[in-house]
């Protein structure tokens, strides 16, 4: 008999404490049993392109762009390692990771489709209405455009 594939849970991480809070929440709620997890965990991290940091103008030398690109990749590696360490601390070692370049909204929605995800778990930075309108909200976008259930974890103030 063919092995049935486990439903996929994607967890979006970036450098923020909110994203790591969301990862911990997902591990505590979906990966409680240490022996046999019912879900496949994929951690997704989006990195911007150097051009997105420089703006549309052709500013900076090619050497500067190379250094910026290198720094973005190093930062991504640190973020992914921190996420893996959190998973290991919760005895979840069967985890896949994916780093993609692009706007986080698009990267996450594309990952949902690519992996046929059942659930996307992500943090909320808690921006107010004006800041969210100006900067855009990745979680709002994914909740409206992602083709799976989206769980947005908020940091509760006590």
Protein backbone atom coordinates (compact mmCIF):
# COMPACT_ATOMS: atom_id res chain seq x y z
CA UNK A 1 0.00 0.00 0.00
CA UNK A 2 1.36 3.44 -0.93
CA UNK A 3 2.27 5.74 1.92
CA UNK A 4 -0.15 8.64 2.14
CA UNK A 5 1.44 12.04 2.23
CA UNK A 6 1.10 14.07 5.37
CA UNK A 7 -0.70 17.41 5.19
CA UNK A 8 1.76 20.30 4.89
CA UNK A 9 2.05 23.13 7.39
CA UNK A 10 4.07 26.11 6.24
CA UNK A 11 5.50 28.48 8.82
CA UNK A 12 6.69 31.88 7.62
CA UNK A 13 9.78 33.21 9.37
CA UNK A 14 11.73 36.42 9.13
CA UNK A 15 14.04 38.17 11.58
CA UNK A 16 11.18 39.31 13.84
CA UNK A 17 10.32 37.87 17.23
CA UNK A 18 6.72 37.63 15.98
CA UNK A 19 7.65 35.04 13.38
CA UNK A 20 9.54 32.91 15.89
CA UNK A 21 6.58 33.16 18.26
CA UNK A 22 4.40 31.80 15.43
CA UNK A 23 6.86 28.94 14.85
CA UNK A 24 6.80 28.01 18.55
CA UNK A 25 3.00 28.16 18.50
CA UNK A 26 2.84 25.82 15.49
CA UNK A 27 5.23 23.37 17.12
CA UNK A 28 3.29 23.41 20.40
CA UNK A 29 -0.06 22.86 18.68
CA UNK A 30 0.68 20.60 15.70
CA UNK A 31 3.84 18.71 16.70
CA UNK A 32 3.09 17.67 20.26
CA UNK A 33 3.69 13.93 19.83
CA UNK A 34 7.44 13.32 19.67
CA UNK A 35 7.20 10.01 17.80
CA UNK A 36 4.77 10.41 14.93
CA UNK A 37 3.88 13.83 13.62
CA UNK A 38 0.72 14.07 11.56
CA UNK A 39 2.01 16.98 9.50
CA UNK A 40 4.99 17.81 7.30
CA UNK A 41 6.63 21.04 8.43
CA UNK A 42 8.16 23.44 5.93
CA UNK A 43 9.70 26.71 7.10
CA UNK A 44 9.62 29.45 4.46
CA UNK A 45 11.73 32.60 4.49
CA UNK A 46 11.58 35.36 1.87
CA UNK A 47 14.52 37.60 1.17
CA UNK A 48 14.36 40.78 -0.83
CA UNK A 49 16.50 41.33 -3.86
CA UNK A 50 19.32 43.87 -3.60
CA UNK A 51 17.43 46.01 -6.13
CA UNK A 52 14.45 46.24 -3.77
CA UNK A 53 16.72 47.77 -1.13
CA UNK A 54 18.29 50.20 -3.57
CA UNK A 55 15.00 51.28 -5.09
CA UNK A 56 14.24 51.49 -8.75
CA UNK A 57 17.13 53.85 -9.46
CA UNK A 58 20.37 52.32 -10.64
CA UNK A 59 22.25 53.36 -7.53
CA UNK A 60 25.43 51.75 -6.30
CA UNK A 61 28.27 49.90 -7.86
CA UNK A 62 28.07 46.26 -8.85
CA UNK A 63 30.47 45.54 -5.98
CA UNK A 64 28.05 47.14 -3.52
CA UNK A 65 25.17 45.07 -4.92
CA UNK A 66 27.27 41.89 -4.51
CA UNK A 67 28.04 42.77 -0.88
CA UNK A 68 24.39 43.56 -0.19
CA UNK A 69 23.30 40.28 -1.80
CA UNK A 70 25.86 38.39 0.29
CA UNK A 71 24.62 40.08 3.47
CA UNK A 72 21.00 39.20 2.65
CA UNK A 73 21.96 35.54 2.15
CA UNK A 74 23.94 35.48 5.42
CA UNK A 75 20.99 36.99 7.27
CA UNK A 76 18.68 34.38 5.73
CA UNK A 77 21.02 31.57 6.83
CA UNK A 78 21.02 32.91 10.40
CA UNK A 79 17.21 33.17 10.41
CA UNK A 80 16.79 29.62 9.08
CA UNK A 81 19.31 28.24 11.58
CA UNK A 82 17.47 29.94 14.46
CA UNK A 83 14.22 28.36 13.22
CA UNK A 84 15.88 24.92 13.00
CA UNK A 85 17.26 25.35 16.53
CA UNK A 86 13.77 26.15 17.84
CA UNK A 87 12.44 23.03 16.11
CA UNK A 88 15.23 20.88 17.58
CA UNK A 89 14.53 22.26 21.05
CA UNK A 90 10.96 20.96 20.65
CA UNK A 91 12.20 17.57 19.33
CA UNK A 92 11.05 18.28 15.79
CA UNK A 93 13.92 17.33 13.51
CA UNK A 94 12.06 16.37 10.33
CA UNK A 95 11.73 19.89 8.98
CA UNK A 96 12.28 21.26 5.50
CA UNK A 97 13.34 24.83 4.84
CA UNK A 98 12.95 27.05 1.84
CA UNK A 99 14.49 30.44 1.16
CA UNK A 100 13.14 32.36 -1.82
CA UNK A 101 13.90 35.79 -3.16
CA UNK A 102 10.99 38.16 -3.65
CA UNK A 103 8.16 39.99 -1.98
CA UNK A 104 7.11 37.93 1.07
CA UNK A 105 3.44 38.10 0.05
CA UNK A 106 4.17 36.47 -3.30
CA UNK A 107 6.77 34.06 -1.94
CA UNK A 108 4.35 32.72 0.69
CA UNK A 109 1.37 32.39 -1.65
CA UNK A 110 3.57 30.62 -4.21
CA UNK A 111 4.87 28.27 -1.50
CA UNK A 112 1.28 27.45 -0.51
CA UNK A 113 0.53 26.42 -4.10
CA UNK A 114 3.85 24.64 -4.68
CA UNK A 115 3.56 22.45 -1.56
CA UNK A 116 -0.25 22.12 -1.58
CA UNK A 117 -0.19 23.41 1.99
CA UNK A 118 -3.13 22.86 4.29
CA UNK A 119 -2.13 25.58 6.74
CA UNK A 120 0.11 28.65 6.77
CA UNK A 121 1.15 29.87 10.23
CA UNK A 122 2.64 33.33 10.51
CA UNK A 123 3.19 36.10 13.01
CA UNK A 124 1.58 39.51 13.10
CA UNK A 125 3.67 42.58 13.75
CA UNK A 126 0.63 44.36 15.14
CA UNK A 127 0.81 47.42 12.90
CA UNK A 128 -1.99 49.93 13.29
CA UNK A 129 -4.38 50.66 10.43
CA UNK A 130 -2.36 53.57 8.98
CA UNK A 131 1.01 51.83 9.07
CA UNK A 132 -0.58 48.67 7.63
CA UNK A 133 -2.16 50.72 4.81
CA UNK A 134 1.15 52.38 3.95
CA UNK A 135 3.50 49.41 4.36
CA UNK A 136 1.07 46.65 3.48
CA UNK A 137 0.42 43.66 5.64
CA UNK A 138 1.87 40.33 4.60
CA UNK A 139 -0.51 38.47 6.91
CA UNK A 140 -3.57 40.32 5.55
CA UNK A 141 -2.48 39.59 2.00
CA UNK A 142 -1.91 35.88 2.68
CA UNK A 143 -5.20 35.56 4.57
CA UNK A 144 -7.06 36.94 1.54
CA UNK A 145 -5.05 35.45 -1.32
CA UNK A 146 -3.49 32.25 0.02
CA UNK A 147 -5.21 29.04 -1.05
CA UNK A 148 -5.14 27.44 2.41
CA UNK A 149 -6.12 28.18 5.98
CA UNK A 150 -3.99 30.95 7.47
CA UNK A 151 -3.35 31.19 11.19
CA UNK A 152 -2.00 34.55 12.33
CA UNK A 153 -0.32 34.48 15.74
CA UNK A 154 -0.36 37.71 17.72
CA UNK A 155 1.88 38.53 20.63
CA UNK A 156 -0.53 39.02 23.48
CA UNK A 157 0.17 41.81 25.94
CA UNK A 158 -0.37 40.87 29.56
